[in-house]
Amino acid sequence: MILTLHIQPSARVTQVIGIHGGALKIKIAAPPLEGQANARLVEFLRQVFDVPSRQVLLKQGGSGRRKVVEIQGSVHSPLILADNNCPENRTKA
């Protein structure tokens, strides 16, 4: 599957926010320095879609906020990102 994302780095927590300019907006709890935000994004998507990191490919937007990401081999729908049960959206007790 191919996802078009709008990324907001340096957030307090990594979470899906909603739609922004026709792309899914995700806040990332990592700074946009030396690929840290991209690495955190890949880790977040890996967890949500239950695939190895090598199956989350950043196709476009390596240095910008707008990114195109390909997820290979996941049995989950993109709608899982809206699910409150995805790992990063759970409320910590």
C-alpha atoms as a PDB file:
ATOM      1  CA  MET A   1       0.000   0.000   0.000  1.00  0.00           C
ATOM      2  CA  ILE A   2       1.079   3.574  -0.637  1.00  0.00           C
ATOM      3  CA  LEU A   3       0.461   6.294   1.972  1.00  0.00           C
ATOM      4  CA  THR A   4       0.784  10.044   1.480  1.00  0.00           C
ATOM      5  CA  LEU A   5       1.718  11.619   4.799  1.00  0.00           C
ATOM      6  CA  HIS A   6       2.199  15.080   6.263  1.00  0.00           C
ATOM      7  CA  ILE A   7       4.707  14.825   9.115  1.00  0.00           C
ATOM      8  CA  GLN A   8       5.073  17.179  12.062  1.00  0.00           C
ATOM      9  CA  PRO A   9       8.397  16.450  13.792  1.00  0.00           C
ATOM     10  CA  SER A  10       9.420  17.382  17.350  1.00  0.00           C
ATOM     11  CA  ALA A  11       6.070  16.462  18.897  1.00  0.00           C
ATOM     12  CA  ARG A  12       5.782  15.207  22.461  1.00  0.00           C
ATOM     13  CA  VAL A  13       4.224  11.933  21.332  1.00  0.00           C
ATOM     14  CA  THR A  14       3.998  10.074  18.019  1.00  0.00           C
ATOM     15  CA  GLN A  15       0.383   9.918  16.918  1.00  0.00           C
ATOM     16  CA  VAL A  16      -1.989  10.180  13.983  1.00  0.00           C
ATOM     17  CA  ILE A  17      -3.768  13.530  13.970  1.00  0.00           C
ATOM     18  CA  GLY A  18      -6.077  13.418  10.951  1.00  0.00           C
ATOM     19  CA  ILE A  19      -6.082  14.742   7.403  1.00  0.00           C
ATOM     20  CA  HIS A  20      -4.009  17.749   6.304  1.00  0.00           C
ATOM     21  CA  GLY A  21      -3.980  18.919   2.694  1.00  0.00           C
ATOM     22  CA  GLY A  22      -5.105  15.552   1.327  1.00  0.00           C
ATOM     23  CA  ALA A  23      -2.495  13.628   3.324  1.00  0.00           C
ATOM     24  CA  LEU A  24      -2.638  11.776   6.624  1.00  0.00           C
ATOM     25  CA  LYS A  25      -1.030  13.959   9.307  1.00  0.00           C
ATOM     26  CA  ILE A  26       1.213  12.243  11.839  1.00  0.00           C
ATOM     27  CA  LYS A  27       3.052  13.933  14.700  1.00  0.00           C
ATOM     28  CA  ILE A  28       6.480  12.404  15.309  1.00  0.00           C
ATOM     29  CA  ALA A  29       8.267  12.432  18.674  1.00  0.00           C
ATOM     30  CA  ALA A  30      11.707  12.999  17.170  1.00  0.00           C
ATOM     31  CA  PRO A  31      13.545  16.031  15.804  1.00  0.00           C
ATOM     32  CA  PRO A  32      14.041  16.508  12.056  1.00  0.00           C
ATOM     33  CA  LEU A  33      17.811  16.167  12.443  1.00  0.00           C
ATOM     34  CA  GLU A  34      20.031  13.526  10.831  1.00  0.00           C
ATOM     35  CA  GLY A  35      17.061  11.370   9.804  1.00  0.00           C
ATOM     36  CA  GLN A  36      15.739  10.920  13.350  1.00  0.00           C
ATOM     37  CA  ALA A  37      12.140  11.829  12.463  1.00  0.00           C
ATOM     38  CA  ASN A  38      12.191   9.551   9.407  1.00  0.00           C
ATOM     39  CA  ALA A  39      13.544   6.673  11.489  1.00  0.00           C
ATOM     40  CA  ARG A  40      10.839   7.213  14.128  1.00  0.00           C
ATOM     41  CA  LEU A  41       8.176   7.340  11.395  1.00  0.00           C
ATOM     42  CA  VAL A  42       9.375   4.026   9.949  1.00  0.00           C
ATOM     43  CA  GLU A  43       9.361   2.464  13.433  1.00  0.00           C
ATOM     44  CA  PHE A  44       5.845   3.760  14.110  1.00  0.00           C
ATOM     45  CA  LEU A  45       4.504   2.423  10.796  1.00  0.00           C
ATOM     46  CA  ARG A  46       6.332  -0.883  11.327  1.00  0.00           C
ATOM     47  CA  GLN A  47       4.566  -1.337  14.669  1.00  0.00           C
ATOM     48  CA  VAL A  48       1.139  -0.303  13.410  1.00  0.00           C
ATOM     49  CA  PHE A  49       1.204  -2.465  10.286  1.00  0.00           C
ATOM     50  CA  ASP A  50       3.052  -5.353  11.974  1.00  0.00           C
ATOM     51  CA  VAL A  51       5.798  -5.673   9.354  1.00  0.00           C
ATOM     52  CA  PRO A  52       9.615  -5.647   9.495  1.00  0.00           C
ATOM     53  CA  SER A  53      11.284  -2.249   9.053  1.00  0.00           C
ATOM     54  CA  ARG A  54      12.648  -3.319   5.662  1.00  0.00           C
ATOM     55  CA  GLN A  55       9.054  -3.471   4.397  1.00  0.00           C
ATOM     56  CA  VAL A  56       8.412   0.214   5.186  1.00  0.00           C
ATOM     57  CA  LEU A  57       9.919   2.180   2.304  1.00  0.00           C
ATOM     58  CA  LEU A  58      10.215   5.964   2.187  1.00  0.00           C
ATOM     59  CA  LYS A  59       9.587   6.596  -1.529  1.00  0.00           C
ATOM     60  CA  GLN A  60       9.506  10.420  -1.563  1.00  0.00           C
ATOM     61  CA  GLY A  61      10.053  13.310   0.809  1.00  0.00           C
ATOM     62  CA  GLY A  62      13.144  12.262   2.726  1.00  0.00           C
ATOM     63  CA  SER A  63      13.881  15.847   3.757  1.00  0.00           C
ATOM     64  CA  GLY A  64      10.405  17.411   3.688  1.00  0.00           C
ATOM     65  CA  ARG A  65       7.219  17.200   5.702  1.00  0.00           C
ATOM     66  CA  ARG A  66       5.235  15.637   2.850  1.00  0.00           C
ATOM     67  CA  LYS A  67       6.201  11.998   2.404  1.00  0.00           C
ATOM     68  CA  VAL A  68       5.109   9.046   0.315  1.00  0.00           C
ATOM     69  CA  VAL A  69       5.623   5.723   2.075  1.00  0.00           C
ATOM     70  CA  GLU A  70       5.113   2.202   0.765  1.00  0.00           C
ATOM     71  CA  ILE A  71       4.139  -0.556   3.198  1.00  0.00           C
ATOM     72  CA  GLN A  72       4.811  -4.029   1.793  1.00  0.00           C
ATOM     73  CA  GLY A  73       3.235  -7.274   2.958  1.00  0.00           C
ATOM     74  CA  SER A  74       0.851  -5.982   5.614  1.00  0.00           C
ATOM     75  CA  VAL A  75      -2.501  -7.664   6.102  1.00  0.00           C
ATOM     76  CA  HIS A  76      -3.837  -4.497   7.772  1.00  0.00           C
ATOM     77  CA  SER A  77      -5.859  -1.795   6.051  1.00  0.00           C
ATOM     78  CA  PRO A  78      -4.675   1.843   6.168  1.00  0.00           C
ATOM     79  CA  LEU A  79      -7.722   2.417   8.380  1.00  0.00           C
ATOM     80  CA  ILE A  80      -5.776   0.843  11.237  1.00  0.00           C
ATOM     81  CA  LEU A  81      -4.068   4.229  11.653  1.00  0.00           C
ATOM     82  CA  ALA A  82      -7.388   5.677  12.811  1.00  0.00           C
ATOM     83  CA  ASP A  83      -7.852   2.861  15.346  1.00  0.00           C
ATOM     84  CA  ASN A  84      -7.338   3.937  18.949  1.00  0.00           C
ATOM     85  CA  ASN A  85      -5.767   0.536  19.640  1.00  0.00           C
ATOM     86  CA  CYS A  86      -2.675   1.072  17.504  1.00  0.00           C
ATOM     87  CA  PRO A  87       0.463   1.017  19.700  1.00  0.00           C
ATOM     88  CA  GLU A  88       1.247   4.723  19.830  1.00  0.00           C
ATOM     89  CA  ASN A  89      -2.358   5.882  20.317  1.00  0.00           C
ATOM     90  CA  ARG A  90      -3.005   3.893  23.488  1.00  0.00           C
ATOM     91  CA  THR A  91      -3.464   5.958  26.612  1.00  0.00           C
ATOM     92  CA  LYS A  92      -0.788   5.075  29.129  1.00  0.00           C
ATOM     93  CA  ALA A  93      -2.093   4.335  32.611  1.00  0.00           C
END
